[in-house]
């Protein structure tokens, strides 16, 4: 199984950051979705555990794929949980900037997480503050602050 995970990781790393969104949406995301479909629930859980140790670009790809395709994982982990945890683990502002607009929606699902999944909320908050320091648009900054306020409530 680790060979399959390495194959997926290699595939993701061979995708150019500058590759068009159409290629991601119609080529790359269906590839990952197809691989996940062929995994058992246990294999999906193992895959999710593996990706949580991956690098920013890889975390971003998986989170964006789950978000864009609305893919529902079979195992212990819920897609919204994985999206949020990937956001929490990313240290690169350019990837956070692409994901933060959908973060609030995924955070709303945390009330319904099964299996006692708990998010790395402090890491999510830290990444939102990191992003706030980068953003120049007042509406975007306010949006991030609103997310932080809602996390604390």
C-alpha atoms as a PDB file:
ATOM      1  CA  UNK A   1       0.000   0.000   0.000  1.00  0.00           C
ATOM      2  CA  UNK A   2       2.852   2.398   0.738  1.00  0.00           C
ATOM      3  CA  UNK A   3       3.933   2.018  -2.888  1.00  0.00           C
ATOM      4  CA  UNK A   4       0.510   3.254  -4.004  1.00  0.00           C
ATOM      5  CA  UNK A   5       0.752   6.222  -1.662  1.00  0.00           C
ATOM      6  CA  UNK A   6       4.210   7.012  -3.025  1.00  0.00           C
ATOM      7  CA  UNK A   7       2.822   6.772  -6.552  1.00  0.00           C
ATOM      8  CA  UNK A   8       0.063   9.271  -5.696  1.00  0.00           C
ATOM      9  CA  UNK A   9       2.549  11.579  -4.014  1.00  0.00           C
ATOM     10  CA  UNK A  10       4.867  11.430  -7.024  1.00  0.00           C
ATOM     11  CA  UNK A  11       1.927  12.148  -9.319  1.00  0.00           C
ATOM     12  CA  UNK A  12       0.985  15.214  -7.252  1.00  0.00           C
ATOM     13  CA  UNK A  13       4.560  16.470  -7.172  1.00  0.00           C
ATOM     14  CA  UNK A  14       4.810  16.231 -10.947  1.00  0.00           C
ATOM     15  CA  UNK A  15       1.921  18.672 -11.344  1.00  0.00           C
ATOM     16  CA  UNK A  16       3.142  22.180 -12.017  1.00  0.00           C
ATOM     17  CA  UNK A  17       1.943  24.914  -9.696  1.00  0.00           C
ATOM     18  CA  UNK A  18       1.213  26.864 -12.859  1.00  0.00           C
ATOM     19  CA  UNK A  19      -0.864  24.089 -14.415  1.00  0.00           C
ATOM     20  CA  UNK A  20      -4.287  25.400 -15.411  1.00  0.00           C
ATOM     21  CA  UNK A  21      -7.247  24.951 -13.123  1.00  0.00           C
ATOM     22  CA  UNK A  22      -8.966  23.098 -15.967  1.00  0.00           C
ATOM     23  CA  UNK A  23      -6.223  20.463 -15.912  1.00  0.00           C
ATOM     24  CA  UNK A  24      -6.638  20.080 -12.180  1.00  0.00           C
ATOM     25  CA  UNK A  25     -10.413  19.868 -12.421  1.00  0.00           C
ATOM     26  CA  UNK A  26     -10.691  17.535 -15.414  1.00  0.00           C
ATOM     27  CA  UNK A  27      -7.470  15.507 -15.260  1.00  0.00           C
ATOM     28  CA  UNK A  28      -5.762  15.557 -11.880  1.00  0.00           C
ATOM     29  CA  UNK A  29      -8.715  15.568  -9.481  1.00  0.00           C
ATOM     30  CA  UNK A  30     -10.464  12.694 -11.293  1.00  0.00           C
ATOM     31  CA  UNK A  31      -7.209  10.726 -11.030  1.00  0.00           C
ATOM     32  CA  UNK A  32      -7.102  11.082  -7.235  1.00  0.00           C
ATOM     33  CA  UNK A  33     -10.830  10.523  -6.912  1.00  0.00           C
ATOM     34  CA  UNK A  34     -10.515   7.327  -8.963  1.00  0.00           C
ATOM     35  CA  UNK A  35      -7.693   6.059  -6.785  1.00  0.00           C
ATOM     36  CA  UNK A  36      -9.678   6.792  -3.626  1.00  0.00           C
ATOM     37  CA  UNK A  37     -12.739   5.032  -5.046  1.00  0.00           C
ATOM     38  CA  UNK A  38     -10.694   1.838  -5.421  1.00  0.00           C
ATOM     39  CA  UNK A  39      -9.459   1.976  -1.814  1.00  0.00           C
ATOM     40  CA  UNK A  40     -11.281   0.251   1.001  1.00  0.00           C
ATOM     41  CA  UNK A  41     -12.315   2.348   3.997  1.00  0.00           C
ATOM     42  CA  UNK A  42      -9.208   1.123   5.868  1.00  0.00           C
ATOM     43  CA  UNK A  43      -6.944   2.017   2.939  1.00  0.00           C
ATOM     44  CA  UNK A  44      -8.489   5.481   2.772  1.00  0.00           C
ATOM     45  CA  UNK A  45      -7.818   5.934   6.496  1.00  0.00           C
ATOM     46  CA  UNK A  46      -4.211   4.849   6.002  1.00  0.00           C
ATOM     47  CA  UNK A  47      -3.889   7.238   3.069  1.00  0.00           C
ATOM     48  CA  UNK A  48      -5.239  10.164   5.123  1.00  0.00           C
ATOM     49  CA  UNK A  49      -2.823   9.362   7.951  1.00  0.00           C
ATOM     50  CA  UNK A  50       0.002   9.359   5.405  1.00  0.00           C
ATOM     51  CA  UNK A  51      -0.904  12.678   3.791  1.00  0.00           C
ATOM     52  CA  UNK A  52      -0.902  14.454   7.136  1.00  0.00           C
ATOM     53  CA  UNK A  53       2.908  14.065   7.031  1.00  0.00           C
ATOM     54  CA  UNK A  54       3.236  15.430   3.487  1.00  0.00           C
ATOM     55  CA  UNK A  55       4.404  18.842   2.265  1.00  0.00           C
ATOM     56  CA  UNK A  56       2.332  21.955   1.618  1.00  0.00           C
ATOM     57  CA  UNK A  57       1.829  21.439  -2.124  1.00  0.00           C
ATOM     58  CA  UNK A  58       0.631  17.884  -1.549  1.00  0.00           C
ATOM     59  CA  UNK A  59      -1.681  18.855   1.312  1.00  0.00           C
ATOM     60  CA  UNK A  60      -3.106  21.666  -0.788  1.00  0.00           C
ATOM     61  CA  UNK A  61      -3.788  19.327  -3.713  1.00  0.00           C
ATOM     62  CA  UNK A  62      -5.634  16.789  -1.571  1.00  0.00           C
ATOM     63  CA  UNK A  63      -7.655  19.454   0.265  1.00  0.00           C
ATOM     64  CA  UNK A  64      -8.583  21.253  -2.939  1.00  0.00           C
ATOM     65  CA  UNK A  65      -9.506  17.984  -4.634  1.00  0.00           C
ATOM     66  CA  UNK A  66     -11.798  16.938  -1.781  1.00  0.00           C
ATOM     67  CA  UNK A  67     -13.339  20.400  -1.753  1.00  0.00           C
ATOM     68  CA  UNK A  68     -13.818  20.736  -5.508  1.00  0.00           C
ATOM     69  CA  UNK A  69     -15.181  17.244  -6.093  1.00  0.00           C
ATOM     70  CA  UNK A  70     -17.257  17.064  -2.878  1.00  0.00           C
ATOM     71  CA  UNK A  71     -15.751  13.625  -2.450  1.00  0.00           C
ATOM     72  CA  UNK A  72     -17.081  11.666   0.540  1.00  0.00           C
ATOM     73  CA  UNK A  73     -14.458   9.497   2.203  1.00  0.00           C
ATOM     74  CA  UNK A  74     -15.505   5.996   3.246  1.00  0.00           C
ATOM     75  CA  UNK A  75     -13.506   5.501   6.401  1.00  0.00           C
ATOM     76  CA  UNK A  76     -13.021   7.145   9.751  1.00  0.00           C
ATOM     77  CA  UNK A  77     -12.201  10.554   8.340  1.00  0.00           C
ATOM     78  CA  UNK A  78     -14.709  12.945   6.873  1.00  0.00           C
ATOM     79  CA  UNK A  79     -13.766  15.084   3.902  1.00  0.00           C
ATOM     80  CA  UNK A  80     -14.403  18.340   5.774  1.00  0.00           C
ATOM     81  CA  UNK A  81     -12.180  17.169   8.600  1.00  0.00           C
ATOM     82  CA  UNK A  82      -9.370  16.330   6.156  1.00  0.00           C
ATOM     83  CA  UNK A  83      -9.784  19.706   4.431  1.00  0.00           C
ATOM     84  CA  UNK A  84      -9.495  21.562   7.759  1.00  0.00           C
ATOM     85  CA  UNK A  85      -6.550  19.493   8.974  1.00  0.00           C
ATOM     86  CA  UNK A  86      -4.723  20.057   5.699  1.00  0.00           C
ATOM     87  CA  UNK A  87      -5.342  23.792   6.119  1.00  0.00           C
ATOM     88  CA  UNK A  88      -3.970  23.571   9.664  1.00  0.00           C
ATOM     89  CA  UNK A  89      -0.782  21.846   8.495  1.00  0.00           C
ATOM     90  CA  UNK A  90       0.054  24.075   5.513  1.00  0.00           C
ATOM     91  CA  UNK A  91       2.758  26.668   6.158  1.00  0.00           C
ATOM     92  CA  UNK A  92       2.656  28.386   2.778  1.00  0.00           C
ATOM     93  CA  UNK A  93       0.500  31.498   2.406  1.00  0.00           C
ATOM     94  CA  UNK A  94      -0.104  31.039  -1.318  1.00  0.00           C
ATOM     95  CA  UNK A  95      -1.859  27.712  -0.653  1.00  0.00           C
ATOM     96  CA  UNK A  96      -3.739  29.061   2.345  1.00  0.00           C
ATOM     97  CA  UNK A  97      -4.952  31.935   0.205  1.00  0.00           C
ATOM     98  CA  UNK A  98      -6.610  29.495  -2.190  1.00  0.00           C
ATOM     99  CA  UNK A  99      -8.248  27.448   0.554  1.00  0.00           C
ATOM    100  CA  UNK A 100      -9.409  29.950   3.177  1.00  0.00           C
ATOM    101  CA  UNK A 101     -12.561  30.987   1.316  1.00  0.00           C
ATOM    102  CA  UNK A 102     -13.968  27.472   1.699  1.00  0.00           C
ATOM    103  CA  UNK A 103     -12.671  26.925   5.225  1.00  0.00           C
ATOM    104  CA  UNK A 104     -15.725  28.347   6.975  1.00  0.00           C
ATOM    105  CA  UNK A 105     -18.045  25.892   5.231  1.00  0.00           C
ATOM    106  CA  UNK A 106     -15.883  22.928   6.248  1.00  0.00           C
ATOM    107  CA  UNK A 107     -15.535  24.206   9.811  1.00  0.00           C
ATOM    108  CA  UNK A 108     -19.329  24.315  10.109  1.00  0.00           C
ATOM    109  CA  UNK A 109     -19.388  20.545   9.588  1.00  0.00           C
ATOM    110  CA  UNK A 110     -17.238  19.924  12.664  1.00  0.00           C
ATOM    111  CA  UNK A 111     -20.308  19.802  14.877  1.00  0.00           C
ATOM    112  CA  UNK A 112     -21.332  16.649  13.034  1.00  0.00           C
ATOM    113  CA  UNK A 113     -17.978  14.851  12.892  1.00  0.00           C
ATOM    114  CA  UNK A 114     -18.251  11.232  13.871  1.00  0.00           C
ATOM    115  CA  UNK A 115     -15.585   9.131  15.568  1.00  0.00           C
ATOM    116  CA  UNK A 116     -14.637  11.915  17.998  1.00  0.00           C
ATOM    117  CA  UNK A 117     -12.505  13.705  15.405  1.00  0.00           C
ATOM    118  CA  UNK A 118     -11.034  16.857  16.856  1.00  0.00           C
ATOM    119  CA  UNK A 119      -9.505  19.545  14.715  1.00  0.00           C
ATOM    120  CA  UNK A 120      -6.228  21.360  15.249  1.00  0.00           C
ATOM    121  CA  UNK A 121      -8.148  24.575  15.837  1.00  0.00           C
ATOM    122  CA  UNK A 122      -5.197  26.548  17.186  1.00  0.00           C
ATOM    123  CA  UNK A 123      -3.173  25.709  14.067  1.00  0.00           C
ATOM    124  CA  UNK A 124      -6.091  26.796  11.883  1.00  0.00           C
ATOM    125  CA  UNK A 125      -6.294  30.087  13.789  1.00  0.00           C
ATOM    126  CA  UNK A 126      -2.531  30.573  13.508  1.00  0.00           C
ATOM    127  CA  UNK A 127      -2.703  30.010   9.753  1.00  0.00           C
ATOM    128  CA  UNK A 128      -5.557  32.480   9.439  1.00  0.00           C
ATOM    129  CA  UNK A 129      -3.459  35.116  11.240  1.00  0.00           C
ATOM    130  CA  UNK A 130      -0.525  34.263   8.966  1.00  0.00           C
ATOM    131  CA  UNK A 131      -2.827  34.809   6.024  1.00  0.00           C
ATOM    132  CA  UNK A 132      -4.188  38.072   7.447  1.00  0.00           C
ATOM    133  CA  UNK A 133      -0.637  39.435   7.564  1.00  0.00           C
ATOM    134  CA  UNK A 134      -0.323  38.639   3.864  1.00  0.00           C
ATOM    135  CA  UNK A 135      -3.711  39.809   2.581  1.00  0.00           C
ATOM    136  CA  UNK A 136      -4.205  43.392   1.435  1.00  0.00           C
ATOM    137  CA  UNK A 137      -7.935  43.348   0.779  1.00  0.00           C
ATOM    138  CA  UNK A 138      -9.927  44.579   3.767  1.00  0.00           C
ATOM    139  CA  UNK A 139     -12.916  42.340   2.981  1.00  0.00           C
ATOM    140  CA  UNK A 140     -10.687  39.255   2.914  1.00  0.00           C
ATOM    141  CA  UNK A 141      -9.099  40.220   6.216  1.00  0.00           C
ATOM    142  CA  UNK A 142     -12.528  40.759   7.759  1.00  0.00           C
ATOM    143  CA  UNK A 143     -13.628  37.366   6.439  1.00  0.00           C
ATOM    144  CA  UNK A 144     -10.646  35.676   8.120  1.00  0.00           C
ATOM    145  CA  UNK A 145     -11.323  37.513  11.375  1.00  0.00           C
ATOM    146  CA  UNK A 146     -14.949  36.381  11.221  1.00  0.00           C
ATOM    147  CA  UNK A 147     -13.832  32.775  10.851  1.00  0.00           C
ATOM    148  CA  UNK A 148     -11.524  33.149  13.861  1.00  0.00           C
ATOM    149  CA  UNK A 149     -14.324  34.680  15.906  1.00  0.00           C
ATOM    150  CA  UNK A 150     -16.664  31.818  14.995  1.00  0.00           C
ATOM    151  CA  UNK A 151     -14.035  29.225  15.891  1.00  0.00           C
ATOM    152  CA  UNK A 152     -13.750  30.648  19.372  1.00  0.00           C
ATOM    153  CA  UNK A 153     -17.519  30.513  19.884  1.00  0.00           C
END
